[in-house]
Amino acid sequence: MRWTATTCFSFTTDLPPTVASTSPVDEATDVAVGSDITATFSEPVSLGTWYAISCTVSGSHTAGVTGGPTVYTIDPDTNFVLSEECT
């Protein structure tokens, strides 16, 4: 009889968190100009300044952020302009 030894290794990769959902959703239309933005992450995250809001007419926006550790609400300091696109 012949014995052999087998070593098994199990590696797990810690994937970075992802944005699971947003509100308003991507490509949303008819969003109120004073709307907040909600971002839901795939796992708890700790944030610093992690967002940028840039719009085609009103330009860059600053905002306050509340919530966590998986759901954050972004409250822009100024309203958006009707019918502009923002990222």
PDB file of N, CA and C in Angstrom:
ATOM      1  N   MET A   1       0.847  -1.151   0.000  1.00  0.00           N
ATOM      2  CA  MET A   1       0.000   0.000   0.000  1.00  0.00           C
ATOM      3  C   MET A   1       0.904   1.229   0.000  1.00  0.00           C
ATOM      4  N   ARG A   2       0.490   2.226  -0.745  1.00  0.00           N
ATOM      5  CA  ARG A   2       1.255   3.465  -0.842  1.00  0.00           C
ATOM      6  C   ARG A   2       0.397   4.630  -0.357  1.00  0.00           C
ATOM      7  N   TRP A   3       0.944   5.441   0.539  1.00  0.00           N
ATOM      8  CA  TRP A   3       0.248   6.600   1.079  1.00  0.00           C
ATOM      9  C   TRP A   3       0.842   7.866   0.484  1.00  0.00           C
ATOM     10  N   THR A   4      -0.032   8.786   0.142  1.00  0.00           N
ATOM     11  CA  THR A   4       0.449  10.089  -0.307  1.00  0.00           C
ATOM     12  C   THR A   4      -0.236  11.156   0.537  1.00  0.00           C
ATOM     13  N   ALA A   5       0.449  12.231   0.705  1.00  0.00           N
ATOM     14  CA  ALA A   5      -0.111  13.350   1.469  1.00  0.00           C
ATOM     15  C   ALA A   5      -0.479  14.469   0.499  1.00  0.00           C
ATOM     16  N   THR A   6      -1.618  15.029   0.723  1.00  0.00           N
ATOM     17  CA  THR A   6      -2.071  16.148  -0.093  1.00  0.00           C
ATOM     18  C   THR A   6      -2.332  17.328   0.823  1.00  0.00           C
ATOM     19  N   THR A   7      -1.790  18.441   0.471  1.00  0.00           N
ATOM     20  CA  THR A   7      -2.021  19.658   1.239  1.00  0.00           C
ATOM     21  C   THR A   7      -3.022  20.512   0.481  1.00  0.00           C
ATOM     22  N   CYS A   8      -4.058  20.905   1.156  1.00  0.00           N
ATOM     23  CA  CYS A   8      -5.076  21.754   0.536  1.00  0.00           C
ATOM     24  C   CYS A   8      -4.936  23.162   1.106  1.00  0.00           C
ATOM     25  N   PHE A   9      -4.994  24.112   0.223  1.00  0.00           N
ATOM     26  CA  PHE A   9      -4.965  25.508   0.636  1.00  0.00           C
ATOM     27  C   PHE A   9      -6.258  26.165   0.177  1.00  0.00           C
ATOM     28  N   SER A  10      -6.760  26.977   1.025  1.00  0.00           N
ATOM     29  CA  SER A  10      -7.967  27.721   0.691  1.00  0.00           C
ATOM     30  C   SER A  10      -7.648  29.205   0.835  1.00  0.00           C
ATOM     31  N   PHE A  11      -7.758  29.925  -0.261  1.00  0.00           N
ATOM     32  CA  PHE A  11      -7.493  31.353  -0.235  1.00  0.00           C
ATOM     33  C   PHE A  11      -8.800  32.105  -0.466  1.00  0.00           C
ATOM     34  N   THR A  12      -8.990  33.121   0.303  1.00  0.00           N
ATOM     35  CA  THR A  12     -10.135  33.992   0.070  1.00  0.00           C
ATOM     36  C   THR A  12      -9.606  35.369  -0.269  1.00  0.00           C
ATOM     37  N   THR A  13     -10.284  36.010  -1.154  1.00  0.00           N
ATOM     38  CA  THR A  13      -9.902  37.344  -1.561  1.00  0.00           C
ATOM     39  C   THR A  13     -10.908  38.320  -0.993  1.00  0.00           C
ATOM     40  N   ASP A  14     -10.416  39.323  -0.314  1.00  0.00           N
ATOM     41  CA  ASP A  14     -11.290  40.351   0.234  1.00  0.00           C
ATOM     42  C   ASP A  14     -11.530  41.382  -0.854  1.00  0.00           C
ATOM     43  N   LEU A  15     -12.667  41.281  -1.495  1.00  0.00           N
ATOM     44  CA  LEU A  15     -12.996  42.199  -2.563  1.00  0.00           C
ATOM     45  C   LEU A  15     -13.400  43.552  -1.993  1.00  0.00           C
ATOM     46  N   PRO A  16     -13.120  44.631  -2.721  1.00  0.00           N
ATOM     47  CA  PRO A  16     -13.511  45.951  -2.218  1.00  0.00           C
ATOM     48  C   PRO A  16     -15.024  46.101  -2.224  1.00  0.00           C
ATOM     49  N   PRO A  17     -15.557  46.983  -1.388  1.00  0.00           N
ATOM     50  CA  PRO A  17     -17.000  47.215  -1.392  1.00  0.00           C
ATOM     51  C   PRO A  17     -17.427  47.818  -2.730  1.00  0.00           C
ATOM     52  N   THR A  18     -18.680  47.625  -3.055  1.00  0.00           N
ATOM     53  CA  THR A  18     -19.248  48.197  -4.267  1.00  0.00           C
ATOM     54  C   THR A  18     -20.491  48.992  -3.905  1.00  0.00           C
ATOM     55  N   VAL A  19     -20.899  49.857  -4.805  1.00  0.00           N
ATOM     56  CA  VAL A  19     -22.163  50.570  -4.627  1.00  0.00           C
ATOM     57  C   VAL A  19     -23.264  49.622  -5.083  1.00  0.00           C
ATOM     58  N   ALA A  20     -24.087  49.181  -4.141  1.00  0.00           N
ATOM     59  CA  ALA A  20     -25.151  48.220  -4.439  1.00  0.00           C
ATOM     60  C   ALA A  20     -26.353  48.894  -5.098  1.00  0.00           C
ATOM     61  N   SER A  21     -26.647  50.124  -4.684  1.00  0.00           N
ATOM     62  CA  SER A  21     -27.769  50.850  -5.285  1.00  0.00           C
ATOM     63  C   SER A  21     -27.654  52.332  -4.963  1.00  0.00           C
ATOM     64  N   THR A  22     -28.344  53.129  -5.756  1.00  0.00           N
ATOM     65  CA  THR A  22     -28.429  54.572  -5.505  1.00  0.00           C
ATOM     66  C   THR A  22     -29.868  55.024  -5.692  1.00  0.00           C
ATOM     67  N   SER A  23     -30.173  56.150  -5.089  1.00  0.00           N
ATOM     68  CA  SER A  23     -31.459  56.793  -5.312  1.00  0.00           C
ATOM     69  C   SER A  23     -31.183  58.282  -5.398  1.00  0.00           C
ATOM     70  N   PRO A  24     -31.515  58.919  -6.501  1.00  0.00           N
ATOM     71  CA  PRO A  24     -32.167  58.371  -7.681  1.00  0.00           C
ATOM     72  C   PRO A  24     -31.256  57.361  -8.391  1.00  0.00           C
ATOM     73  N   VAL A  25     -31.883  56.488  -9.154  1.00  0.00           N
ATOM     74  CA  VAL A  25     -31.143  55.471  -9.894  1.00  0.00           C
ATOM     75  C   VAL A  25     -30.423  56.107 -11.076  1.00  0.00           C
ATOM     76  N   ASP A  26     -29.435  55.405 -11.605  1.00  0.00           N
ATOM     77  CA  ASP A  26     -28.700  55.869 -12.770  1.00  0.00           C
ATOM     78  C   ASP A  26     -29.665  56.137 -13.922  1.00  0.00           C
ATOM     79  N   GLU A  27     -29.474  57.239 -14.615  1.00  0.00           N
ATOM     80  CA  GLU A  27     -30.294  57.650 -15.755  1.00  0.00           C
ATOM     81  C   GLU A  27     -31.712  58.072 -15.370  1.00  0.00           C
ATOM     82  N   ALA A  28     -31.968  58.359 -14.098  1.00  0.00           N
ATOM     83  CA  ALA A  28     -33.303  58.781 -13.665  1.00  0.00           C
ATOM     84  C   ALA A  28     -33.670  60.121 -14.309  1.00  0.00           C
ATOM     85  N   THR A  29     -34.943  60.295 -14.575  1.00  0.00           N
ATOM     86  CA  THR A  29     -35.450  61.554 -15.111  1.00  0.00           C
ATOM     87  C   THR A  29     -36.531  62.079 -14.180  1.00  0.00           C
ATOM     88  N   ASP A  30     -36.875  63.343 -14.338  1.00  0.00           N
ATOM     89  CA  ASP A  30     -37.919  63.978 -13.535  1.00  0.00           C
ATOM     90  C   ASP A  30     -37.632  63.902 -12.036  1.00  0.00           C
ATOM     91  N   VAL A  31     -36.369  64.062 -11.659  1.00  0.00           N
ATOM     92  CA  VAL A  31     -35.973  64.067 -10.254  1.00  0.00           C
ATOM     93  C   VAL A  31     -36.106  65.501  -9.745  1.00  0.00           C
ATOM     94  N   ALA A  32     -36.702  65.678  -8.590  1.00  0.00           N
ATOM     95  CA  ALA A  32     -36.875  67.019  -8.017  1.00  0.00           C
ATOM     96  C   ALA A  32     -35.511  67.695  -7.828  1.00  0.00           C
ATOM     97  N   VAL A  33     -35.444  69.011  -8.120  1.00  0.00           N
ATOM     98  CA  VAL A  33     -34.166  69.730  -8.064  1.00  0.00           C
ATOM     99  C   VAL A  33     -33.572  69.803  -6.659  1.00  0.00           C
ATOM    100  N   GLY A  34     -34.375  69.605  -5.621  1.00  0.00           N
ATOM    101  CA  GLY A  34     -33.890  69.641  -4.251  1.00  0.00           C
ATOM    102  C   GLY A  34     -33.668  68.270  -3.641  1.00  0.00           C
ATOM    103  N   SER A  35     -33.613  67.235  -4.466  1.00  0.00           N
ATOM    104  CA  SER A  35     -33.508  65.856  -3.967  1.00  0.00           C
ATOM    105  C   SER A  35     -32.173  65.561  -3.315  1.00  0.00           C
ATOM    106  N   ASP A  36     -32.219  64.700  -2.296  1.00  0.00           N
ATOM    107  CA  ASP A  36     -31.014  64.124  -1.723  1.00  0.00           C
ATOM    108  C   ASP A  36     -30.621  62.920  -2.568  1.00  0.00           C
ATOM    109  N   ILE A  37     -29.402  62.443  -2.368  1.00  0.00           N
ATOM    110  CA  ILE A  37     -28.897  61.255  -3.056  1.00  0.00           C
ATOM    111  C   ILE A  37     -28.606  60.219  -1.981  1.00  0.00           C
ATOM    112  N   THR A  38     -29.036  58.985  -2.196  1.00  0.00           N
ATOM    113  CA  THR A  38     -28.756  57.904  -1.257  1.00  0.00           C
ATOM    114  C   THR A  38     -27.872  56.868  -1.948  1.00  0.00           C
ATOM    115  N   ALA A  39     -26.809  56.453  -1.266  1.00  0.00           N
ATOM    116  CA  ALA A  39     -25.917  55.416  -1.785  1.00  0.00           C
ATOM    117  C   ALA A  39     -25.885  54.265  -0.791  1.00  0.00           C
ATOM    118  N   THR A  40     -26.138  53.062  -1.289  1.00  0.00           N
ATOM    119  CA  THR A  40     -26.099  51.853  -0.465  1.00  0.00           C
ATOM    120  C   THR A  40     -24.909  51.011  -0.916  1.00  0.00           C
ATOM    121  N   PHE A  41     -24.037  50.660   0.026  1.00  0.00           N
ATOM    122  CA  PHE A  41     -22.840  49.876  -0.285  1.00  0.00           C
ATOM    123  C   PHE A  41     -23.055  48.395   0.021  1.00  0.00           C
ATOM    124  N   SER A  42     -22.251  47.551  -0.600  1.00  0.00           N
ATOM    125  CA  SER A  42     -22.368  46.099  -0.454  1.00  0.00           C
ATOM    126  C   SER A  42     -21.937  45.605   0.923  1.00  0.00           C
ATOM    127  N   GLU A  43     -21.211  46.414   1.655  1.00  0.00           N
ATOM    128  CA  GLU A  43     -20.753  46.069   2.999  1.00  0.00           C
ATOM    129  C   GLU A  43     -20.469  47.366   3.746  1.00  0.00           C
ATOM    130  N   PRO A  44     -20.331  47.325   5.055  1.00  0.00           N
ATOM    131  CA  PRO A  44     -20.038  48.550   5.809  1.00  0.00           C
ATOM    132  C   PRO A  44     -18.746  49.205   5.318  1.00  0.00           C
ATOM    133  N   VAL A  45     -18.786  50.523   5.181  1.00  0.00           N
ATOM    134  CA  VAL A  45     -17.613  51.283   4.769  1.00  0.00           C
ATOM    135  C   VAL A  45     -17.432  52.481   5.697  1.00  0.00           C
ATOM    136  N   SER A  46     -16.212  52.943   5.794  1.00  0.00           N
ATOM    137  CA  SER A  46     -15.880  54.135   6.557  1.00  0.00           C
ATOM    138  C   SER A  46     -15.457  55.189   5.536  1.00  0.00           C
ATOM    139  N   LEU A  47     -16.062  56.362   5.610  1.00  0.00           N
ATOM    140  CA  LEU A  47     -15.875  57.337   4.550  1.00  0.00           C
ATOM    141  C   LEU A  47     -15.116  58.573   4.993  1.00  0.00           C
ATOM    142  N   GLY A  48     -14.433  59.141   4.028  1.00  0.00           N
ATOM    143  CA  GLY A  48     -13.868  60.487   4.144  1.00  0.00           C
ATOM    144  C   GLY A  48     -14.624  61.305   3.102  1.00  0.00           C
ATOM    145  N   THR A  49     -13.937  62.134   2.358  1.00  0.00           N
ATOM    146  CA  THR A  49     -14.568  62.833   1.241  1.00  0.00           C
ATOM    147  C   THR A  49     -14.469  61.903   0.043  1.00  0.00           C
ATOM    148  N   TRP A  50     -15.541  61.262  -0.287  1.00  0.00           N
ATOM    149  CA  TRP A  50     -15.511  60.176  -1.260  1.00  0.00           C
ATOM    150  C   TRP A  50     -16.378  60.439  -2.471  1.00  0.00           C
ATOM    151  N   TYR A  51     -17.002  61.568  -2.571  1.00  0.00           N
ATOM    152  CA  TYR A  51     -17.916  61.816  -3.675  1.00  0.00           C
ATOM    153  C   TYR A  51     -17.584  63.147  -4.334  1.00  0.00           C
ATOM    154  N   ALA A  52     -18.036  63.286  -5.568  1.00  0.00           N
ATOM    155  CA  ALA A  52     -17.973  64.556  -6.281  1.00  0.00           C
ATOM    156  C   ALA A  52     -19.277  64.677  -7.052  1.00  0.00           C
ATOM    157  N   ILE A  53     -19.902  65.834  -6.991  1.00  0.00           N
ATOM    158  CA  ILE A  53     -21.138  66.069  -7.737  1.00  0.00           C
ATOM    159  C   ILE A  53     -20.838  67.162  -8.750  1.00  0.00           C
ATOM    160  N   SER A  54     -21.005  66.827 -10.024  1.00  0.00           N
ATOM    161  CA  SER A  54     -20.741  67.775 -11.087  1.00  0.00           C
ATOM    162  C   SER A  54     -21.921  67.771 -12.050  1.00  0.00           C
ATOM    163  N   CYS A  55     -22.426  68.962 -12.361  1.00  0.00           N
ATOM    164  CA  CYS A  55     -23.612  69.089 -13.208  1.00  0.00           C
ATOM    165  C   CYS A  55     -23.324  69.967 -14.428  1.00  0.00           C
ATOM    166  N   THR A  56     -24.074  69.720 -15.498  1.00  0.00           N
ATOM    167  CA  THR A  56     -23.828  70.413 -16.761  1.00  0.00           C
ATOM    168  C   THR A  56     -24.149  71.896 -16.710  1.00  0.00           C
ATOM    169  N   VAL A  57     -25.072  72.338 -15.872  1.00  0.00           N
ATOM    170  CA  VAL A  57     -25.435  73.755 -15.804  1.00  0.00           C
ATOM    171  C   VAL A  57     -24.952  74.389 -14.507  1.00  0.00           C
ATOM    172  N   SER A  58     -25.251  73.780 -13.374  1.00  0.00           N
ATOM    173  CA  SER A  58     -24.938  74.389 -12.080  1.00  0.00           C
ATOM    174  C   SER A  58     -23.528  74.093 -11.586  1.00  0.00           C
ATOM    175  N   GLY A  59     -22.778  73.250 -12.295  1.00  0.00           N
ATOM    176  CA  GLY A  59     -21.386  72.967 -11.936  1.00  0.00           C
ATOM    177  C   GLY A  59     -21.248  72.038 -10.746  1.00  0.00           C
ATOM    178  N   SER A  60     -20.180  72.250  -9.969  1.00  0.00           N
ATOM    179  CA  SER A  60     -19.883  71.392  -8.812  1.00  0.00           C
ATOM    180  C   SER A  60     -20.768  71.762  -7.628  1.00  0.00           C
ATOM    181  N   HIS A  61     -21.092  70.751  -6.831  1.00  0.00           N
ATOM    182  CA  HIS A  61     -21.910  70.950  -5.637  1.00  0.00           C
ATOM    183  C   HIS A  61     -21.175  70.392  -4.425  1.00  0.00           C
ATOM    184  N   THR A  62     -21.240  71.111  -3.306  1.00  0.00           N
ATOM    185  CA  THR A  62     -20.807  70.567  -2.026  1.00  0.00           C
ATOM    186  C   THR A  62     -22.038  69.979  -1.359  1.00  0.00           C
ATOM    187  N   ALA A  63     -21.825  69.129  -0.374  1.00  0.00           N
ATOM    188  CA  ALA A  63     -22.966  68.464   0.260  1.00  0.00           C
ATOM    189  C   ALA A  63     -22.588  67.978   1.648  1.00  0.00           C
ATOM    190  N   GLY A  64     -23.617  67.775   2.461  1.00  0.00           N
ATOM    191  CA  GLY A  64     -23.452  67.134   3.755  1.00  0.00           C
ATOM    192  C   GLY A  64     -23.755  65.653   3.606  1.00  0.00           C
ATOM    193  N   VAL A  65     -23.111  64.831   4.408  1.00  0.00           N
ATOM    194  CA  VAL A  65     -23.314  63.384   4.340  1.00  0.00           C
ATOM    195  C   VAL A  65     -23.718  62.881   5.721  1.00  0.00           C
ATOM    196  N   THR A  66     -24.775  62.055   5.769  1.00  0.00           N
ATOM    197  CA  THR A  66     -25.219  61.429   7.012  1.00  0.00           C
ATOM    198  C   THR A  66     -25.409  59.938   6.772  1.00  0.00           C
ATOM    199  N   GLY A  67     -25.502  59.194   7.859  1.00  0.00           N
ATOM    200  CA  GLY A  67     -25.798  57.766   7.773  1.00  0.00           C
ATOM    201  C   GLY A  67     -24.575  56.914   7.975  1.00  0.00           C
ATOM    202  N   GLY A  68     -24.672  55.695   7.449  1.00  0.00           N
ATOM    203  CA  GLY A  68     -23.584  54.740   7.525  1.00  0.00           C
ATOM    204  C   GLY A  68     -23.928  53.603   8.473  1.00  0.00           C
ATOM    205  N   PRO A  69     -23.237  52.537   8.476  1.00  0.00           N
ATOM    206  CA  PRO A  69     -22.034  52.322   7.694  1.00  0.00           C
ATOM    207  C   PRO A  69     -22.277  51.739   6.299  1.00  0.00           C
ATOM    208  N   THR A  70     -23.528  51.354   5.953  1.00  0.00           N
ATOM    209  CA  THR A  70     -23.764  50.828   4.602  1.00  0.00           C
ATOM    210  C   THR A  70     -24.642  51.736   3.752  1.00  0.00           C
ATOM    211  N   VAL A  71     -25.473  52.568   4.377  1.00  0.00           N
ATOM    212  CA  VAL A  71     -26.353  53.470   3.631  1.00  0.00           C
ATOM    213  C   VAL A  71     -26.037  54.909   4.032  1.00  0.00           C
ATOM    214  N   TYR A  72     -25.712  55.724   3.037  1.00  0.00           N
ATOM    215  CA  TYR A  72     -25.384  57.125   3.270  1.00  0.00           C
ATOM    216  C   TYR A  72     -26.331  58.017   2.484  1.00  0.00           C
ATOM    217  N   THR A  73     -26.683  59.156   3.066  1.00  0.00           N
ATOM    218  CA  THR A  73     -27.502  60.155   2.387  1.00  0.00           C
ATOM    219  C   THR A  73     -26.641  61.387   2.138  1.00  0.00           C
ATOM    220  N   ILE A  74     -26.629  61.825   0.888  1.00  0.00           N
ATOM    221  CA  ILE A  74     -25.876  63.008   0.474  1.00  0.00           C
ATOM    222  C   ILE A  74     -26.890  64.120   0.255  1.00  0.00           C
ATOM    223  N   ASP A  75     -26.756  65.211   1.003  1.00  0.00           N
ATOM    224  CA  ASP A  75     -27.684  66.337   0.935  1.00  0.00           C
ATOM    225  C   ASP A  75     -26.953  67.532   0.317  1.00  0.00           C
ATOM    226  N   PRO A  76     -27.116  67.754  -1.002  1.00  0.00           N
ATOM    227  CA  PRO A  76     -26.422  68.870  -1.655  1.00  0.00           C
ATOM    228  C   PRO A  76     -26.770  70.205  -0.992  1.00  0.00           C
ATOM    229  N   ASP A  77     -25.755  71.083  -0.877  1.00  0.00           N
ATOM    230  CA  ASP A  77     -25.935  72.382  -0.232  1.00  0.00           C
ATOM    231  C   ASP A  77     -26.764  73.351  -1.069  1.00  0.00           C
ATOM    232  N   THR A  78     -26.805  73.155  -2.372  1.00  0.00           N
ATOM    233  CA  THR A  78     -27.634  73.979  -3.255  1.00  0.00           C
ATOM    234  C   THR A  78     -28.442  73.072  -4.171  1.00  0.00           C
ATOM    235  N   ASN A  79     -29.571  73.574  -4.613  1.00  0.00           N
ATOM    236  CA  ASN A  79     -30.421  72.792  -5.517  1.00  0.00           C
ATOM    237  C   ASN A  79     -29.805  72.680  -6.907  1.00  0.00           C
ATOM    238  N   PHE A  80     -30.237  71.690  -7.624  1.00  0.00           N
ATOM    239  CA  PHE A  80     -29.827  71.494  -9.002  1.00  0.00           C
ATOM    240  C   PHE A  80     -30.702  72.368  -9.909  1.00  0.00           C
ATOM    241  N   VAL A  81     -30.356  72.409 -11.201  1.00  0.00           N
ATOM    242  CA  VAL A  81     -31.120  73.170 -12.179  1.00  0.00           C
ATOM    243  C   VAL A  81     -31.998  72.186 -12.959  1.00  0.00           C
ATOM    244  N   LEU A  82     -33.229  72.572 -13.222  1.00  0.00           N
ATOM    245  CA  LEU A  82     -34.162  71.711 -13.941  1.00  0.00           C
ATOM    246  C   LEU A  82     -33.568  71.267 -15.268  1.00  0.00           C
ATOM    247  N   SER A  83     -33.660  69.978 -15.564  1.00  0.00           N
ATOM    248  CA  SER A  83     -33.270  69.348 -16.831  1.00  0.00           C
ATOM    249  C   SER A  83     -31.753  69.244 -17.062  1.00  0.00           C
ATOM    250  N   GLU A  84     -30.922  69.505 -16.053  1.00  0.00           N
ATOM    251  CA  GLU A  84     -29.484  69.332 -16.265  1.00  0.00           C
ATOM    252  C   GLU A  84     -29.073  67.900 -15.942  1.00  0.00           C
ATOM    253  N   GLU A  85     -27.917  67.487 -16.450  1.00  0.00           N
ATOM    254  CA  GLU A  85     -27.375  66.161 -16.150  1.00  0.00           C
ATOM    255  C   GLU A  85     -26.283  66.310 -15.112  1.00  0.00           C
ATOM    256  N   CYS A  86     -26.289  65.402 -14.130  1.00  0.00           N
ATOM    257  CA  CYS A  86     -25.284  65.434 -13.068  1.00  0.00           C
ATOM    258  C   CYS A  86     -24.647  64.064 -12.919  1.00  0.00           C
ATOM    259  N   THR A  87     -23.385  64.066 -12.518  1.00  0.00           N
ATOM    260  CA  THR A  87     -22.689  62.816 -12.215  1.00  0.00           C
ATOM    261  C   THR A  87     -22.079  62.934 -10.837  1.00  0.00           C
TER     262      THR A  87
END
